[in-house]
Amino acid sequence: MNSKELGQFFKDHLVPSRLYDLRRNHKGRICMEKSASGWSVYFSDKKQKVGTLHYKDEASACTAMKNEVRKLMEGLYGVTWSAKPVA
């Protein structure tokens, strides 16, 4: 999965865009960005990156961000999608 596919997944699953940002550091959202050493997923609080997780490839970062947003959706709204793919 890449960031474009992740964005489509979030739209398909009705995830409010105010919870995440796939392009830049946006206050109060879970963010993902590319760096020189790979990819980072973090929560943006004001101008600080909180709980930064580093990944070597985009697919791993997308999986991590998807899981973080799933947990946030469950905590805030009591709804989410299945953590495991349905066969």
C-alpha atoms as a PDB file:
ATOM      1  CA  MET A   1       0.000   0.000   0.000  1.00  0.00           C
ATOM      2  CA  ASN A   2       1.225   3.488  -0.772  1.00  0.00           C
ATOM      3  CA  SER A   3       0.055   6.857   0.566  1.00  0.00           C
ATOM      4  CA  LYS A   4      -2.328   7.431  -2.350  1.00  0.00           C
ATOM      5  CA  GLU A   5      -3.999   4.054  -1.734  1.00  0.00           C
ATOM      6  CA  LEU A   6      -4.109   4.780   2.006  1.00  0.00           C
ATOM      7  CA  GLY A   7      -5.870   8.076   1.346  1.00  0.00           C
ATOM      8  CA  GLN A   8      -8.449   6.271  -0.776  1.00  0.00           C
ATOM      9  CA  PHE A   9      -8.879   3.619   1.945  1.00  0.00           C
ATOM     10  CA  PHE A  10      -9.605   6.364   4.496  1.00  0.00           C
ATOM     11  CA  LYS A  11     -12.151   7.971   2.155  1.00  0.00           C
ATOM     12  CA  ASP A  12     -13.809   4.610   1.463  1.00  0.00           C
ATOM     13  CA  HIS A  13     -14.086   3.958   5.204  1.00  0.00           C
ATOM     14  CA  LEU A  14     -15.419   7.472   5.942  1.00  0.00           C
ATOM     15  CA  VAL A  15     -12.480   8.536   8.110  1.00  0.00           C
ATOM     16  CA  PRO A  16     -12.821  12.267   8.828  1.00  0.00           C
ATOM     17  CA  SER A  17      -9.969  14.164   7.162  1.00  0.00           C
ATOM     18  CA  ARG A  18      -9.461  16.163  10.363  1.00  0.00           C
ATOM     19  CA  LEU A  19      -7.864  13.050  11.921  1.00  0.00           C
ATOM     20  CA  TYR A  20      -4.989  12.595   9.478  1.00  0.00           C
ATOM     21  CA  ASP A  21      -2.703  14.265   6.958  1.00  0.00           C
ATOM     22  CA  LEU A  22      -0.705  12.380   4.346  1.00  0.00           C
ATOM     23  CA  ARG A  23       1.102  15.366   2.796  1.00  0.00           C
ATOM     24  CA  ARG A  24       2.429  17.635   5.528  1.00  0.00           C
ATOM     25  CA  ASN A  25       2.693  18.314   9.228  1.00  0.00           C
ATOM     26  CA  HIS A  26      -0.787  19.473  10.266  1.00  0.00           C
ATOM     27  CA  LYS A  27      -1.625  20.425  13.857  1.00  0.00           C
ATOM     28  CA  GLY A  28      -3.833  17.977  15.733  1.00  0.00           C
ATOM     29  CA  ARG A  29      -3.598  15.142  13.220  1.00  0.00           C
ATOM     30  CA  ILE A  30      -1.784  11.883  12.692  1.00  0.00           C
ATOM     31  CA  CYS A  31       0.729  12.626   9.942  1.00  0.00           C
ATOM     32  CA  MET A  32       3.000  10.689   7.634  1.00  0.00           C
ATOM     33  CA  GLU A  33       5.940  12.132   5.757  1.00  0.00           C
ATOM     34  CA  LYS A  34       8.931  11.025   3.738  1.00  0.00           C
ATOM     35  CA  SER A  35      12.384  11.840   5.063  1.00  0.00           C
ATOM     36  CA  ALA A  36      15.915  11.216   3.863  1.00  0.00           C
ATOM     37  CA  SER A  37      16.133   7.993   5.899  1.00  0.00           C
ATOM     38  CA  GLY A  38      12.662   6.626   5.115  1.00  0.00           C
ATOM     39  CA  TRP A  39       9.167   7.420   6.386  1.00  0.00           C
ATOM     40  CA  SER A  40       7.796   8.811   9.653  1.00  0.00           C
ATOM     41  CA  VAL A  41       4.374   8.519  11.276  1.00  0.00           C
ATOM     42  CA  TYR A  42       3.584  10.828  14.203  1.00  0.00           C
ATOM     43  CA  PHE A  43       0.964  12.962  15.917  1.00  0.00           C
ATOM     44  CA  SER A  44       1.388  16.670  15.304  1.00  0.00           C
ATOM     45  CA  ASP A  45       0.779  18.767  18.420  1.00  0.00           C
ATOM     46  CA  LYS A  46       1.217  22.460  17.685  1.00  0.00           C
ATOM     47  CA  LYS A  47       4.682  22.525  16.100  1.00  0.00           C
ATOM     48  CA  GLN A  48       5.980  19.348  17.758  1.00  0.00           C
ATOM     49  CA  LYS A  49       6.004  15.797  16.434  1.00  0.00           C
ATOM     50  CA  VAL A  50       4.823  13.454  19.180  1.00  0.00           C
ATOM     51  CA  GLY A  51       5.348   9.683  19.233  1.00  0.00           C
ATOM     52  CA  THR A  52       7.331   9.566  16.006  1.00  0.00           C
ATOM     53  CA  LEU A  53       7.714   6.103  14.496  1.00  0.00           C
ATOM     54  CA  HIS A  54      10.283   5.555  11.718  1.00  0.00           C
ATOM     55  CA  TYR A  55       9.985   3.093   8.828  1.00  0.00           C
ATOM     56  CA  LYS A  56      12.327   2.192   5.985  1.00  0.00           C
ATOM     57  CA  ASP A  57       9.591   1.879   3.357  1.00  0.00           C
ATOM     58  CA  GLU A  58       6.304   3.534   2.469  1.00  0.00           C
ATOM     59  CA  ALA A  59       4.232   0.342   2.759  1.00  0.00           C
ATOM     60  CA  SER A  60       5.296  -0.201   6.395  1.00  0.00           C
ATOM     61  CA  ALA A  61       4.561   3.435   7.255  1.00  0.00           C
ATOM     62  CA  CYS A  62       1.120   3.186   5.615  1.00  0.00           C
ATOM     63  CA  THR A  63       0.296   0.049   7.595  1.00  0.00           C
ATOM     64  CA  ALA A  64       1.356   1.739  10.835  1.00  0.00           C
ATOM     65  CA  MET A  65      -0.633   4.894  10.074  1.00  0.00           C
ATOM     66  CA  LYS A  66      -3.687   2.840   9.142  1.00  0.00           C
ATOM     67  CA  ASN A  67      -3.482   1.058  12.515  1.00  0.00           C
ATOM     68  CA  GLU A  68      -3.048   4.317  14.442  1.00  0.00           C
ATOM     69  CA  VAL A  69      -6.028   5.926  12.703  1.00  0.00           C
ATOM     70  CA  ARG A  70      -8.093   2.757  13.301  1.00  0.00           C
ATOM     71  CA  LYS A  71      -7.364   2.991  17.049  1.00  0.00           C
ATOM     72  CA  LEU A  72      -8.207   6.699  17.067  1.00  0.00           C
ATOM     73  CA  MET A  73     -11.508   6.083  15.264  1.00  0.00           C
ATOM     74  CA  GLU A  74     -12.410   3.385  17.766  1.00  0.00           C
ATOM     75  CA  GLY A  75     -11.552   5.590  20.740  1.00  0.00           C
ATOM     76  CA  LEU A  76     -13.302   8.725  19.488  1.00  0.00           C
ATOM     77  CA  TYR A  77     -16.329   7.292  17.716  1.00  0.00           C
ATOM     78  CA  GLY A  78     -16.610   3.679  18.864  1.00  0.00           C
ATOM     79  CA  VAL A  79     -16.475   2.503  15.251  1.00  0.00           C
ATOM     80  CA  THR A  80     -13.697   1.158  13.088  1.00  0.00           C
ATOM     81  CA  TRP A  81     -12.888  -1.336  10.379  1.00  0.00           C
ATOM     82  CA  SER A  82     -11.552  -4.790  11.042  1.00  0.00           C
ATOM     83  CA  ALA A  83      -7.839  -4.920  11.913  1.00  0.00           C
ATOM     84  CA  LYS A  84      -7.583  -8.185   9.975  1.00  0.00           C
ATOM     85  CA  PRO A  85      -8.576  -8.540   6.316  1.00  0.00           C
ATOM     86  CA  VAL A  86     -11.769 -10.512   5.769  1.00  0.00           C
ATOM     87  CA  ALA A  87     -11.208 -13.577   3.564  1.00  0.00           C
END
